[in-house]
């Protein structure tokens, strides 16, 4: 059995994050076992992060996480910081990267909320998916409803 291109899925994952765990579970519910990069242990390099931002059409500020990070202590909301300086901070504190980021042949996306991942995947193998908090997500994501 040959791998189809859709089997090439990567998730930048934090196993302690419910949104990230839900996105991973949805990927698996589509019959795909992704490459899992636990970005706190193996952070993306500067060039890789720039590439991801370009693929997602986002700025560095768009992927900065405030909650549970040194964002406020470092005054990262201050507009004085350039993108290059913000990338330096991310390099020193990978927890500043919001998650999960998912890359598939259909594109790359910061999947918050987690069901945003469904637009990057083939249909779920079951008709619904139940997130950790009990919220039910239908197999047809927004934009692909029948």
C-alpha atoms as a PDB file:
ATOM      1  CA  UNK A   1       0.000   0.000   0.000  1.00  0.00           C
ATOM      2  CA  UNK A   2       1.527   3.290  -1.059  1.00  0.00           C
ATOM      3  CA  UNK A   3       1.305   6.439   0.987  1.00  0.00           C
ATOM      4  CA  UNK A   4      -0.968   9.088  -0.421  1.00  0.00           C
ATOM      5  CA  UNK A   5       0.216  12.667  -0.083  1.00  0.00           C
ATOM      6  CA  UNK A   6      -2.465  13.300   2.573  1.00  0.00           C
ATOM      7  CA  UNK A   7      -0.588  10.940   4.867  1.00  0.00           C
ATOM      8  CA  UNK A   8       2.109  13.620   5.092  1.00  0.00           C
ATOM      9  CA  UNK A   9       0.714  15.594   8.011  1.00  0.00           C
ATOM     10  CA  UNK A  10       2.771  17.383  10.658  1.00  0.00           C
ATOM     11  CA  UNK A  11       1.483  18.784  13.934  1.00  0.00           C
ATOM     12  CA  UNK A  12       3.473  21.135  16.141  1.00  0.00           C
ATOM     13  CA  UNK A  13       2.053  19.800  19.366  1.00  0.00           C
ATOM     14  CA  UNK A  14       2.016  20.417  23.087  1.00  0.00           C
ATOM     15  CA  UNK A  15       0.613  17.322  24.828  1.00  0.00           C
ATOM     16  CA  UNK A  16      -0.360  19.456  27.855  1.00  0.00           C
ATOM     17  CA  UNK A  17      -2.693  21.601  25.707  1.00  0.00           C
ATOM     18  CA  UNK A  18      -6.297  20.422  25.270  1.00  0.00           C
ATOM     19  CA  UNK A  19      -6.687  22.231  21.932  1.00  0.00           C
ATOM     20  CA  UNK A  20      -3.554  20.533  20.646  1.00  0.00           C
ATOM     21  CA  UNK A  21      -4.698  17.105  21.923  1.00  0.00           C
ATOM     22  CA  UNK A  22      -8.102  17.581  20.254  1.00  0.00           C
ATOM     23  CA  UNK A  23      -6.516  18.538  16.921  1.00  0.00           C
ATOM     24  CA  UNK A  24      -4.262  15.471  17.098  1.00  0.00           C
ATOM     25  CA  UNK A  25      -7.257  13.250  17.871  1.00  0.00           C
ATOM     26  CA  UNK A  26      -9.161  14.685  14.883  1.00  0.00           C
ATOM     27  CA  UNK A  27      -6.205  13.986  12.592  1.00  0.00           C
ATOM     28  CA  UNK A  28      -6.143  10.408  13.849  1.00  0.00           C
ATOM     29  CA  UNK A  29      -9.942  10.159  13.440  1.00  0.00           C
ATOM     30  CA  UNK A  30      -9.323  10.793   9.732  1.00  0.00           C
ATOM     31  CA  UNK A  31      -7.121   7.681   9.630  1.00  0.00           C
ATOM     32  CA  UNK A  32      -3.825   9.599   9.592  1.00  0.00           C
ATOM     33  CA  UNK A  33      -0.899   9.165  11.947  1.00  0.00           C
ATOM     34  CA  UNK A  34       0.931  12.502  11.692  1.00  0.00           C
ATOM     35  CA  UNK A  35       4.508  13.434  12.342  1.00  0.00           C
ATOM     36  CA  UNK A  36       4.270  14.872  15.856  1.00  0.00           C
ATOM     37  CA  UNK A  37       6.737  17.593  16.739  1.00  0.00           C
ATOM     38  CA  UNK A  38       6.595  18.421  20.441  1.00  0.00           C
ATOM     39  CA  UNK A  39       7.805  21.936  19.829  1.00  0.00           C
ATOM     40  CA  UNK A  40       8.720  22.608  23.468  1.00  0.00           C
ATOM     41  CA  UNK A  41      11.287  19.788  23.264  1.00  0.00           C
ATOM     42  CA  UNK A  42      12.215  20.313  19.598  1.00  0.00           C
ATOM     43  CA  UNK A  43      11.387  23.919  18.716  1.00  0.00           C
ATOM     44  CA  UNK A  44      11.312  24.920  15.062  1.00  0.00           C
ATOM     45  CA  UNK A  45      14.350  26.877  13.964  1.00  0.00           C
ATOM     46  CA  UNK A  46      14.069  30.471  12.828  1.00  0.00           C
ATOM     47  CA  UNK A  47      13.910  29.570   9.099  1.00  0.00           C
ATOM     48  CA  UNK A  48      11.355  26.809   9.725  1.00  0.00           C
ATOM     49  CA  UNK A  49       9.185  29.185  11.759  1.00  0.00           C
ATOM     50  CA  UNK A  50       9.412  31.864   9.043  1.00  0.00           C
ATOM     51  CA  UNK A  51       8.375  29.249   6.474  1.00  0.00           C
ATOM     52  CA  UNK A  52       5.400  28.172   8.612  1.00  0.00           C
ATOM     53  CA  UNK A  53       4.320  31.802   9.054  1.00  0.00           C
ATOM     54  CA  UNK A  54       4.543  32.352   5.309  1.00  0.00           C
ATOM     55  CA  UNK A  55       2.504  29.198   4.579  1.00  0.00           C
ATOM     56  CA  UNK A  56      -0.166  30.291   7.076  1.00  0.00           C
ATOM     57  CA  UNK A  57      -0.156  33.917   5.915  1.00  0.00           C
ATOM     58  CA  UNK A  58       0.390  35.076   9.499  1.00  0.00           C
ATOM     59  CA  UNK A  59       2.750  37.504  11.180  1.00  0.00           C
ATOM     60  CA  UNK A  60       4.984  36.648  14.107  1.00  0.00           C
ATOM     61  CA  UNK A  61       2.600  38.539  16.397  1.00  0.00           C
ATOM     62  CA  UNK A  62      -0.310  36.394  15.128  1.00  0.00           C
ATOM     63  CA  UNK A  63       1.249  33.248  16.627  1.00  0.00           C
ATOM     64  CA  UNK A  64       2.414  34.676  19.942  1.00  0.00           C
ATOM     65  CA  UNK A  65       0.758  33.062  22.921  1.00  0.00           C
ATOM     66  CA  UNK A  66       0.131  35.176  26.017  1.00  0.00           C
ATOM     67  CA  UNK A  67      -1.483  32.799  28.512  1.00  0.00           C
ATOM     68  CA  UNK A  68       1.001  30.755  30.523  1.00  0.00           C
ATOM     69  CA  UNK A  69       4.036  32.361  28.880  1.00  0.00           C
ATOM     70  CA  UNK A  70       6.533  35.154  29.640  1.00  0.00           C
ATOM     71  CA  UNK A  71       4.687  37.390  27.105  1.00  0.00           C
ATOM     72  CA  UNK A  72       3.676  40.049  29.650  1.00  0.00           C
ATOM     73  CA  UNK A  73       6.960  39.990  31.578  1.00  0.00           C
ATOM     74  CA  UNK A  74       8.866  40.503  28.315  1.00  0.00           C
ATOM     75  CA  UNK A  75       6.463  43.307  27.277  1.00  0.00           C
ATOM     76  CA  UNK A  76       5.897  41.605  23.914  1.00  0.00           C
ATOM     77  CA  UNK A  77       2.688  43.543  23.309  1.00  0.00           C
ATOM     78  CA  UNK A  78       4.856  46.626  22.897  1.00  0.00           C
ATOM     79  CA  UNK A  79       4.971  47.636  19.207  1.00  0.00           C
ATOM     80  CA  UNK A  80       8.663  48.538  19.548  1.00  0.00           C
ATOM     81  CA  UNK A  81       9.633  44.879  18.958  1.00  0.00           C
ATOM     82  CA  UNK A  82      10.411  43.984  15.344  1.00  0.00           C
ATOM     83  CA  UNK A  83       9.517  40.596  13.860  1.00  0.00           C
ATOM     84  CA  UNK A  84      13.182  39.615  14.033  1.00  0.00           C
ATOM     85  CA  UNK A  85      13.320  40.513  17.728  1.00  0.00           C
ATOM     86  CA  UNK A  86      10.101  38.594  18.377  1.00  0.00           C
ATOM     87  CA  UNK A  87      11.635  35.573  16.632  1.00  0.00           C
ATOM     88  CA  UNK A  88      14.608  35.904  18.997  1.00  0.00           C
ATOM     89  CA  UNK A  89      12.234  35.788  21.984  1.00  0.00           C
ATOM     90  CA  UNK A  90      10.493  32.713  20.528  1.00  0.00           C
ATOM     91  CA  UNK A  91      13.892  31.076  20.082  1.00  0.00           C
ATOM     92  CA  UNK A  92      14.600  31.635  23.787  1.00  0.00           C
ATOM     93  CA  UNK A  93      11.047  30.750  24.921  1.00  0.00           C
ATOM     94  CA  UNK A  94       9.337  28.277  22.537  1.00  0.00           C
ATOM     95  CA  UNK A  95       6.263  28.318  24.830  1.00  0.00           C
ATOM     96  CA  UNK A  96       5.492  31.659  23.134  1.00  0.00           C
ATOM     97  CA  UNK A  97       4.386  29.775  19.985  1.00  0.00           C
ATOM     98  CA  UNK A  98       0.641  29.329  19.950  1.00  0.00           C
ATOM     99  CA  UNK A  99      -0.496  25.815  19.125  1.00  0.00           C
ATOM    100  CA  UNK A 100      -1.260  23.569  17.470  1.00  0.00           C
ATOM    101  CA  UNK A 101       0.145  24.362  14.052  1.00  0.00           C
ATOM    102  CA  UNK A 102      -0.785  21.705  11.491  1.00  0.00           C
ATOM    103  CA  UNK A 103       0.746  21.284   8.034  1.00  0.00           C
ATOM    104  CA  UNK A 104      -0.834  19.077   5.340  1.00  0.00           C
ATOM    105  CA  UNK A 105      -0.692  19.066   1.542  1.00  0.00           C
ATOM    106  CA  UNK A 106      -3.791  21.309   1.712  1.00  0.00           C
ATOM    107  CA  UNK A 107      -1.917  24.006   3.640  1.00  0.00           C
ATOM    108  CA  UNK A 108      -0.789  25.095   7.079  1.00  0.00           C
ATOM    109  CA  UNK A 109      -2.881  26.581   9.846  1.00  0.00           C
ATOM    110  CA  UNK A 110      -2.847  27.585  13.481  1.00  0.00           C
ATOM    111  CA  UNK A 111      -5.716  25.345  14.585  1.00  0.00           C
ATOM    112  CA  UNK A 112      -7.462  27.364  17.271  1.00  0.00           C
ATOM    113  CA  UNK A 113     -10.157  26.230  17.751  1.00  0.00           C
ATOM    114  CA  UNK A 114      -9.063  22.664  17.103  1.00  0.00           C
ATOM    115  CA  UNK A 115     -11.789  21.937  14.524  1.00  0.00           C
ATOM    116  CA  UNK A 116      -9.995  24.315  12.139  1.00  0.00           C
ATOM    117  CA  UNK A 117      -7.808  21.299  11.375  1.00  0.00           C
ATOM    118  CA  UNK A 118     -10.720  19.630   9.564  1.00  0.00           C
ATOM    119  CA  UNK A 119     -10.385  21.935   6.543  1.00  0.00           C
ATOM    120  CA  UNK A 120      -6.854  20.568   6.062  1.00  0.00           C
ATOM    121  CA  UNK A 121      -7.871  16.884   6.190  1.00  0.00           C
ATOM    122  CA  UNK A 122      -9.956  14.289   4.354  1.00  0.00           C
ATOM    123  CA  UNK A 123     -13.392  13.639   5.925  1.00  0.00           C
ATOM    124  CA  UNK A 124     -13.553  12.079   9.372  1.00  0.00           C
ATOM    125  CA  UNK A 125     -14.050   8.314   9.330  1.00  0.00           C
ATOM    126  CA  UNK A 126     -16.980   8.640  11.721  1.00  0.00           C
ATOM    127  CA  UNK A 127     -19.884  11.082  11.463  1.00  0.00           C
ATOM    128  CA  UNK A 128     -18.986  13.062  14.587  1.00  0.00           C
ATOM    129  CA  UNK A 129     -16.037  13.725  16.835  1.00  0.00           C
ATOM    130  CA  UNK A 130     -16.308  14.488  20.541  1.00  0.00           C
ATOM    131  CA  UNK A 131     -13.697  16.858  21.955  1.00  0.00           C
ATOM    132  CA  UNK A 132     -12.246  16.399  25.456  1.00  0.00           C
ATOM    133  CA  UNK A 133     -14.700  18.934  26.887  1.00  0.00           C
ATOM    134  CA  UNK A 134     -17.667  17.009  25.440  1.00  0.00           C
ATOM    135  CA  UNK A 135     -18.305  19.383  22.514  1.00  0.00           C
ATOM    136  CA  UNK A 136     -19.414  17.429  19.439  1.00  0.00           C
ATOM    137  CA  UNK A 137     -17.946  18.366  16.061  1.00  0.00           C
ATOM    138  CA  UNK A 138     -19.664  17.135  12.884  1.00  0.00           C
ATOM    139  CA  UNK A 139     -17.677  15.330  10.217  1.00  0.00           C
ATOM    140  CA  UNK A 140     -18.295  18.090   7.655  1.00  0.00           C
ATOM    141  CA  UNK A 141     -16.312  21.145   8.800  1.00  0.00           C
ATOM    142  CA  UNK A 142     -17.529  24.684   8.316  1.00  0.00           C
ATOM    143  CA  UNK A 143     -17.409  25.520   4.648  1.00  0.00           C
ATOM    144  CA  UNK A 144     -17.962  21.884   3.634  1.00  0.00           C
ATOM    145  CA  UNK A 145     -21.416  21.357   5.154  1.00  0.00           C
ATOM    146  CA  UNK A 146     -23.832  19.424   2.948  1.00  0.00           C
END
